[in-house]
Amino acid sequence: MIYTTNGDVPGIIGLLGTTFGDAGVNIANFQLGRDRPGGDAIALLYVDAPVSETVLAKLRAREEIQSAKPLVFNLD
């Protein structure tokens, strides 16, 4: 799972989809939320495989993305 934060602006869904698609990462599920129109937003992307630090760095380099990090849960 990948957790991102960003401002609520047009184009974020496309940016995330294109970045992961170009890297060959399949998005299984995509959840979005925001505190208000034009405010702070988050996205949770459920992916089929781990995402490389290179791909996350590409996201972080974009002005629109405030943070991007993997979430790993211990299911033991």
PDB file of N, CA and C in Angstrom:
ATOM      1  N   MET A   1       0.851  -1.165   0.000  1.00  0.00           N
ATOM      2  CA  MET A   1       0.000   0.000   0.000  1.00  0.00           C
ATOM      3  C   MET A   1       0.901   1.233   0.000  1.00  0.00           C
ATOM      4  N   ILE A   2       0.468   2.244  -0.756  1.00  0.00           N
ATOM      5  CA  ILE A   2       1.196   3.505  -0.813  1.00  0.00           C
ATOM      6  C   ILE A   2       0.272   4.604  -0.306  1.00  0.00           C
ATOM      7  N   TYR A   3       0.821   5.470   0.537  1.00  0.00           N
ATOM      8  CA  TYR A   3       0.101   6.595   1.115  1.00  0.00           C
ATOM      9  C   TYR A   3       0.694   7.874   0.553  1.00  0.00           C
ATOM     10  N   THR A   4      -0.139   8.728  -0.024  1.00  0.00           N
ATOM     11  CA  THR A   4       0.347  10.008  -0.532  1.00  0.00           C
ATOM     12  C   THR A   4      -0.491  11.144   0.039  1.00  0.00           C
ATOM     13  N   THR A   5       0.142  12.302   0.149  1.00  0.00           N
ATOM     14  CA  THR A   5      -0.565  13.521   0.510  1.00  0.00           C
ATOM     15  C   THR A   5      -0.294  14.552  -0.574  1.00  0.00           C
ATOM     16  N   ASN A   6      -1.283  15.406  -0.784  1.00  0.00           N
ATOM     17  CA  ASN A   6      -1.161  16.432  -1.807  1.00  0.00           C
ATOM     18  C   ASN A   6      -2.224  17.494  -1.577  1.00  0.00           C
ATOM     19  N   GLY A   7      -2.079  18.607  -2.265  1.00  0.00           N
ATOM     20  CA  GLY A   7      -3.163  19.577  -2.298  1.00  0.00           C
ATOM     21  C   GLY A   7      -4.259  19.030  -3.201  1.00  0.00           C
ATOM     22  N   ASP A   8      -5.493  19.397  -2.927  1.00  0.00           N
ATOM     23  CA  ASP A   8      -6.627  18.943  -3.735  1.00  0.00           C
ATOM     24  C   ASP A   8      -6.685  19.780  -5.014  1.00  0.00           C
ATOM     25  N   VAL A   9      -5.969  19.307  -6.049  1.00  0.00           N
ATOM     26  CA  VAL A   9      -5.909  19.994  -7.341  1.00  0.00           C
ATOM     27  C   VAL A   9      -6.193  18.995  -8.457  1.00  0.00           C
ATOM     28  N   PRO A  10      -6.662  19.458  -9.603  1.00  0.00           N
ATOM     29  CA  PRO A  10      -6.898  18.555 -10.723  1.00  0.00           C
ATOM     30  C   PRO A  10      -5.610  17.889 -11.196  1.00  0.00           C
ATOM     31  N   GLY A  11      -5.730  16.647 -11.644  1.00  0.00           N
ATOM     32  CA  GLY A  11      -4.615  15.944 -12.254  1.00  0.00           C
ATOM     33  C   GLY A  11      -3.889  14.947 -11.380  1.00  0.00           C
ATOM     34  N   ILE A  12      -4.183  14.905 -10.095  1.00  0.00           N
ATOM     35  CA  ILE A  12      -3.457  14.008  -9.185  1.00  0.00           C
ATOM     36  C   ILE A  12      -3.729  12.535  -9.529  1.00  0.00           C
ATOM     37  N   ILE A  13      -4.978  12.194  -9.795  1.00  0.00           N
ATOM     38  CA  ILE A  13      -5.301  10.798 -10.118  1.00  0.00           C
ATOM     39  C   ILE A  13      -4.519  10.363 -11.363  1.00  0.00           C
ATOM     40  N   GLY A  14      -4.504  11.203 -12.379  1.00  0.00           N
ATOM     41  CA  GLY A  14      -3.756  10.886 -13.593  1.00  0.00           C
ATOM     42  C   GLY A  14      -2.265  10.783 -13.347  1.00  0.00           C
ATOM     43  N   LEU A  15      -1.734  11.693 -12.542  1.00  0.00           N
ATOM     44  CA  LEU A  15      -0.308  11.667 -12.211  1.00  0.00           C
ATOM     45  C   LEU A  15       0.068  10.360 -11.519  1.00  0.00           C
ATOM     46  N   LEU A  16      -0.718   9.963 -10.534  1.00  0.00           N
ATOM     47  CA  LEU A  16      -0.427   8.721  -9.821  1.00  0.00           C
ATOM     48  C   LEU A  16      -0.562   7.514 -10.747  1.00  0.00           C
ATOM     49  N   GLY A  17      -1.643   7.464 -11.507  1.00  0.00           N
ATOM     50  CA  GLY A  17      -1.853   6.341 -12.414  1.00  0.00           C
ATOM     51  C   GLY A  17      -0.754   6.230 -13.463  1.00  0.00           C
ATOM     52  N   THR A  18      -0.371   7.346 -14.052  1.00  0.00           N
ATOM     53  CA  THR A  18       0.677   7.329 -15.068  1.00  0.00           C
ATOM     54  C   THR A  18       2.023   6.936 -14.483  1.00  0.00           C
ATOM     55  N   THR A  19       2.346   7.474 -13.321  1.00  0.00           N
ATOM     56  CA  THR A  19       3.637   7.153 -12.693  1.00  0.00           C
ATOM     57  C   THR A  19       3.729   5.666 -12.381  1.00  0.00           C
ATOM     58  N   PHE A  20       2.695   5.116 -11.777  1.00  0.00           N
ATOM     59  CA  PHE A  20       2.718   3.687 -11.468  1.00  0.00           C
ATOM     60  C   PHE A  20       2.632   2.843 -12.732  1.00  0.00           C
ATOM     61  N   GLY A  21       1.821   3.234 -13.686  1.00  0.00           N
ATOM     62  CA  GLY A  21       1.706   2.495 -14.940  1.00  0.00           C
ATOM     63  C   GLY A  21       3.017   2.454 -15.704  1.00  0.00           C
ATOM     64  N   ASP A  22       3.704   3.594 -15.793  1.00  0.00           N
ATOM     65  CA  ASP A  22       4.997   3.643 -16.479  1.00  0.00           C
ATOM     66  C   ASP A  22       6.024   2.728 -15.815  1.00  0.00           C
ATOM     67  N   ALA A  23       5.870   2.519 -14.493  1.00  0.00           N
ATOM     68  CA  ALA A  23       6.793   1.657 -13.745  1.00  0.00           C
ATOM     69  C   ALA A  23       6.346   0.196 -13.750  1.00  0.00           C
ATOM     70  N   GLY A  24       5.212  -0.100 -14.391  1.00  0.00           N
ATOM     71  CA  GLY A  24       4.717  -1.470 -14.431  1.00  0.00           C
ATOM     72  C   GLY A  24       4.069  -1.928 -13.142  1.00  0.00           C
ATOM     73  N   VAL A  25       3.641  -0.985 -12.314  1.00  0.00           N
ATOM     74  CA  VAL A  25       2.996  -1.309 -11.042  1.00  0.00           C
ATOM     75  C   VAL A  25       1.484  -1.257 -11.234  1.00  0.00           C
ATOM     76  N   ASN A  26       0.806  -2.359 -10.949  1.00  0.00           N
ATOM     77  CA  ASN A  26      -0.645  -2.423 -11.089  1.00  0.00           C
ATOM     78  C   ASN A  26      -1.322  -1.927  -9.813  1.00  0.00           C
ATOM     79  N   ILE A  27      -2.278  -1.019  -9.966  1.00  0.00           N
ATOM     80  CA  ILE A  27      -3.062  -0.510  -8.846  1.00  0.00           C
ATOM     81  C   ILE A  27      -4.302  -1.377  -8.714  1.00  0.00           C
ATOM     82  N   ALA A  28      -4.440  -2.035  -7.576  1.00  0.00           N
ATOM     83  CA  ALA A  28      -5.578  -2.925  -7.339  1.00  0.00           C
ATOM     84  C   ALA A  28      -6.788  -2.157  -6.806  1.00  0.00           C
ATOM     85  N   ASN A  29      -6.540  -1.115  -6.008  1.00  0.00           N
ATOM     86  CA  ASN A  29      -7.604  -0.324  -5.413  1.00  0.00           C
ATOM     87  C   ASN A  29      -7.048   1.058  -5.133  1.00  0.00           C
ATOM     88  N   PHE A  30      -7.907   2.066  -5.166  1.00  0.00           N
ATOM     89  CA  PHE A  30      -7.479   3.452  -5.048  1.00  0.00           C
ATOM     90  C   PHE A  30      -8.529   4.179  -4.211  1.00  0.00           C
ATOM     91  N   GLN A  31      -8.125   4.727  -3.074  1.00  0.00           N
ATOM     92  CA  GLN A  31      -9.031   5.466  -2.198  1.00  0.00           C
ATOM     93  C   GLN A  31      -8.536   6.902  -2.063  1.00  0.00           C
ATOM     94  N   LEU A  32      -9.453   7.848  -2.164  1.00  0.00           N
ATOM     95  CA  LEU A  32      -9.113   9.264  -2.055  1.00  0.00           C
ATOM     96  C   LEU A  32      -9.904   9.908  -0.930  1.00  0.00           C
ATOM     97  N   GLY A  33      -9.349  10.967  -0.390  1.00  0.00           N
ATOM     98  CA  GLY A  33     -10.067  11.755   0.594  1.00  0.00           C
ATOM     99  C   GLY A  33      -9.484  13.151   0.659  1.00  0.00           C
ATOM    100  N   ARG A  34     -10.294  14.094   1.120  1.00  0.00           N
ATOM    101  CA  ARG A  34      -9.835  15.475   1.280  1.00  0.00           C
ATOM    102  C   ARG A  34     -10.583  16.105   2.434  1.00  0.00           C
ATOM    103  N   ASP A  35      -9.990  17.138   3.005  1.00  0.00           N
ATOM    104  CA  ASP A  35     -10.664  17.798   4.123  1.00  0.00           C
ATOM    105  C   ASP A  35     -11.690  18.828   3.650  1.00  0.00           C
ATOM    106  N   ARG A  36     -11.488  19.398   2.459  1.00  0.00           N
ATOM    107  CA  ARG A  36     -12.431  20.345   1.864  1.00  0.00           C
ATOM    108  C   ARG A  36     -12.008  20.577   0.420  1.00  0.00           C
ATOM    109  N   PRO A  37     -12.886  21.055  -0.435  1.00  0.00           N
ATOM    110  CA  PRO A  37     -12.489  21.346  -1.809  1.00  0.00           C
ATOM    111  C   PRO A  37     -11.301  22.322  -1.849  1.00  0.00           C
ATOM    112  N   GLY A  38     -10.260  21.943  -2.564  1.00  0.00           N
ATOM    113  CA  GLY A  38      -9.066  22.775  -2.659  1.00  0.00           C
ATOM    114  C   GLY A  38      -8.145  22.681  -1.463  1.00  0.00           C
ATOM    115  N   GLY A  39      -8.480  21.828  -0.486  1.00  0.00           N
ATOM    116  CA  GLY A  39      -7.691  21.714   0.745  1.00  0.00           C
ATOM    117  C   GLY A  39      -6.642  20.623   0.659  1.00  0.00           C
ATOM    118  N   ASP A  40      -6.400  19.984   1.785  1.00  0.00           N
ATOM    119  CA  ASP A  40      -5.438  18.884   1.876  1.00  0.00           C
ATOM    120  C   ASP A  40      -6.118  17.584   1.471  1.00  0.00           C
ATOM    121  N   ALA A  41      -5.381  16.742   0.753  1.00  0.00           N
ATOM    122  CA  ALA A  41      -5.940  15.475   0.272  1.00  0.00           C
ATOM    123  C   ALA A  41      -4.959  14.339   0.522  1.00  0.00           C
ATOM    124  N   ILE A  42      -5.505  13.125   0.569  1.00  0.00           N
ATOM    125  CA  ILE A  42      -4.688  11.919   0.681  1.00  0.00           C
ATOM    126  C   ILE A  42      -5.166  10.910  -0.360  1.00  0.00           C
ATOM    127  N   ALA A  43      -4.280   9.995  -0.681  1.00  0.00           N
ATOM    128  CA  ALA A  43      -4.641   8.851  -1.519  1.00  0.00           C
ATOM    129  C   ALA A  43      -4.001   7.610  -0.922  1.00  0.00           C
ATOM    130  N   LEU A  44      -4.757   6.524  -0.901  1.00  0.00           N
ATOM    131  CA  LEU A  44      -4.242   5.211  -0.527  1.00  0.00           C
ATOM    132  C   LEU A  44      -4.328   4.333  -1.770  1.00  0.00           C
ATOM    133  N   LEU A  45      -3.192   3.817  -2.196  1.00  0.00           N
ATOM    134  CA  LEU A  45      -3.140   2.979  -3.390  1.00  0.00           C
ATOM    135  C   LEU A  45      -2.726   1.575  -2.970  1.00  0.00           C
ATOM    136  N   TYR A  46      -3.605   0.634  -3.215  1.00  0.00           N
ATOM    137  CA  TYR A  46      -3.319  -0.771  -2.949  1.00  0.00           C
ATOM    138  C   TYR A  46      -2.695  -1.311  -4.225  1.00  0.00           C
ATOM    139  N   VAL A  47      -1.457  -1.771  -4.133  1.00  0.00           N
ATOM    140  CA  VAL A  47      -0.723  -2.218  -5.315  1.00  0.00           C
ATOM    141  C   VAL A  47      -0.411  -3.706  -5.217  1.00  0.00           C
ATOM    142  N   ASP A  48      -0.178  -4.313  -6.392  1.00  0.00           N
ATOM    143  CA  ASP A  48       0.048  -5.761  -6.448  1.00  0.00           C
ATOM    144  C   ASP A  48       1.453  -6.183  -6.053  1.00  0.00           C
ATOM    145  N   ALA A  49       2.387  -5.240  -6.023  1.00  0.00           N
ATOM    146  CA  ALA A  49       3.784  -5.575  -5.716  1.00  0.00           C
ATOM    147  C   ALA A  49       4.431  -4.379  -5.017  1.00  0.00           C
ATOM    148  N   PRO A  50       5.513  -4.618  -4.307  1.00  0.00           N
ATOM    149  CA  PRO A  50       6.216  -3.496  -3.677  1.00  0.00           C
ATOM    150  C   PRO A  50       6.615  -2.446  -4.717  1.00  0.00           C
ATOM    151  N   VAL A  51       6.610  -1.196  -4.285  1.00  0.00           N
ATOM    152  CA  VAL A  51       6.984  -0.081  -5.159  1.00  0.00           C
ATOM    153  C   VAL A  51       8.410   0.342  -4.825  1.00  0.00           C
ATOM    154  N   SER A  52       9.225   0.478  -5.846  1.00  0.00           N
ATOM    155  CA  SER A  52      10.639   0.817  -5.621  1.00  0.00           C
ATOM    156  C   SER A  52      10.785   2.246  -5.111  1.00  0.00           C
ATOM    157  N   GLU A  53      11.890   2.487  -4.456  1.00  0.00           N
ATOM    158  CA  GLU A  53      12.201   3.827  -3.974  1.00  0.00           C
ATOM    159  C   GLU A  53      12.353   4.791  -5.150  1.00  0.00           C
ATOM    160  N   THR A  54      12.786   4.297  -6.287  1.00  0.00           N
ATOM    161  CA  THR A  54      12.916   5.134  -7.486  1.00  0.00           C
ATOM    162  C   THR A  54      11.566   5.700  -7.906  1.00  0.00           C
ATOM    163  N   VAL A  55      10.538   4.860  -7.902  1.00  0.00           N
ATOM    164  CA  VAL A  55       9.191   5.308  -8.273  1.00  0.00           C
ATOM    165  C   VAL A  55       8.669   6.304  -7.242  1.00  0.00           C
ATOM    166  N   LEU A  56       8.868   6.017  -5.967  1.00  0.00           N
ATOM    167  CA  LEU A  56       8.418   6.943  -4.923  1.00  0.00           C
ATOM    168  C   LEU A  56       9.149   8.273  -5.032  1.00  0.00           C
ATOM    169  N   ALA A  57      10.435   8.241  -5.360  1.00  0.00           N
ATOM    170  CA  ALA A  57      11.211   9.475  -5.529  1.00  0.00           C
ATOM    171  C   ALA A  57      10.668  10.301  -6.697  1.00  0.00           C
ATOM    172  N   LYS A  58      10.234   9.637  -7.775  1.00  0.00           N
ATOM    173  CA  LYS A  58       9.635  10.362  -8.903  1.00  0.00           C
ATOM    174  C   LYS A  58       8.372  11.090  -8.461  1.00  0.00           C
ATOM    175  N   LEU A  59       7.573  10.444  -7.628  1.00  0.00           N
ATOM    176  CA  LEU A  59       6.375  11.105  -7.120  1.00  0.00           C
ATOM    177  C   LEU A  59       6.740  12.287  -6.228  1.00  0.00           C
ATOM    178  N   ARG A  60       7.673  12.068  -5.319  1.00  0.00           N
ATOM    179  CA  ARG A  60       8.060  13.129  -4.384  1.00  0.00           C
ATOM    180  C   ARG A  60       8.670  14.328  -5.098  1.00  0.00           C
ATOM    181  N   ALA A  61       9.259  14.095  -6.252  1.00  0.00           N
ATOM    182  CA  ALA A  61       9.883  15.186  -7.003  1.00  0.00           C
ATOM    183  C   ALA A  61       8.850  16.110  -7.645  1.00  0.00           C
ATOM    184  N   ARG A  62       7.632  15.657  -7.746  1.00  0.00           N
ATOM    185  CA  ARG A  62       6.568  16.467  -8.345  1.00  0.00           C
ATOM    186  C   ARG A  62       6.068  17.499  -7.344  1.00  0.00           C
ATOM    187  N   GLU A  63       5.898  18.701  -7.803  1.00  0.00           N
ATOM    188  CA  GLU A  63       5.451  19.800  -6.947  1.00  0.00           C
ATOM    189  C   GLU A  63       4.099  19.516  -6.300  1.00  0.00           C
ATOM    190  N   GLU A  64       3.237  18.791  -7.013  1.00  0.00           N
ATOM    191  CA  GLU A  64       1.887  18.539  -6.529  1.00  0.00           C
ATOM    192  C   GLU A  64       1.842  17.568  -5.347  1.00  0.00           C
ATOM    193  N   ILE A  65       2.842  16.708  -5.246  1.00  0.00           N
ATOM    194  CA  ILE A  65       2.865  15.665  -4.217  1.00  0.00           C
ATOM    195  C   ILE A  65       3.644  16.161  -3.001  1.00  0.00           C
ATOM    196  N   GLN A  66       3.005  16.140  -1.848  1.00  0.00           N
ATOM    197  CA  GLN A  66       3.665  16.573  -0.612  1.00  0.00           C
ATOM    198  C   GLN A  66       4.458  15.431   0.023  1.00  0.00           C
ATOM    199  N   SER A  67       3.907  14.208  -0.027  1.00  0.00           N
ATOM    200  CA  SER A  67       4.617  13.043   0.514  1.00  0.00           C
ATOM    201  C   SER A  67       4.106  11.788  -0.177  1.00  0.00           C
ATOM    202  N   ALA A  68       4.964  10.784  -0.214  1.00  0.00           N
ATOM    203  CA  ALA A  68       4.613   9.472  -0.771  1.00  0.00           C
ATOM    204  C   ALA A  68       5.438   8.438  -0.028  1.00  0.00           C
ATOM    205  N   LYS A  69       4.753   7.490   0.610  1.00  0.00           N
ATOM    206  CA  LYS A  69       5.494   6.476   1.359  1.00  0.00           C
ATOM    207  C   LYS A  69       4.741   5.152   1.371  1.00  0.00           C
ATOM    208  N   PRO A  70       5.492   4.073   1.462  1.00  0.00           N
ATOM    209  CA  PRO A  70       4.847   2.759   1.540  1.00  0.00           C
ATOM    210  C   PRO A  70       4.313   2.518   2.950  1.00  0.00           C
ATOM    211  N   LEU A  71       3.224   1.787   3.020  1.00  0.00           N
ATOM    212  CA  LEU A  71       2.695   1.322   4.304  1.00  0.00           C
ATOM    213  C   LEU A  71       2.777  -0.200   4.308  1.00  0.00           C
ATOM    214  N   VAL A  72       3.359  -0.737   5.352  1.00  0.00           N
ATOM    215  CA  VAL A  72       3.509  -2.184   5.465  1.00  0.00           C
ATOM    216  C   VAL A  72       2.904  -2.602   6.798  1.00  0.00           C
ATOM    217  N   PHE A  73       2.047  -3.592   6.762  1.00  0.00           N
ATOM    218  CA  PHE A  73       1.388  -4.070   7.971  1.00  0.00           C
ATOM    219  C   PHE A  73       1.871  -5.469   8.294  1.00  0.00           C
ATOM    220  N   ASN A  74       2.190  -5.718   9.536  1.00  0.00           N
ATOM    221  CA  ASN A  74       2.596  -7.028   9.983  1.00  0.00           C
ATOM    222  C   ASN A  74       1.337  -7.825  10.299  1.00  0.00           C
ATOM    223  N   LEU A  75       1.114  -8.893   9.567  1.00  0.00           N
ATOM    224  CA  LEU A  75      -0.116  -9.668   9.739  1.00  0.00           C
ATOM    225  C   LEU A  75       0.076 -10.904  10.630  1.00  0.00           C
ATOM    226  N   ASP A  76       1.178 -10.977  11.317  1.00  0.00           N
ATOM    227  CA  ASP A  76       1.430 -12.114  12.218  1.00  0.00           C
ATOM    228  C   ASP A  76       0.598 -12.025  13.467  1.00  0.00           C
TER     229      ASP A  76
END
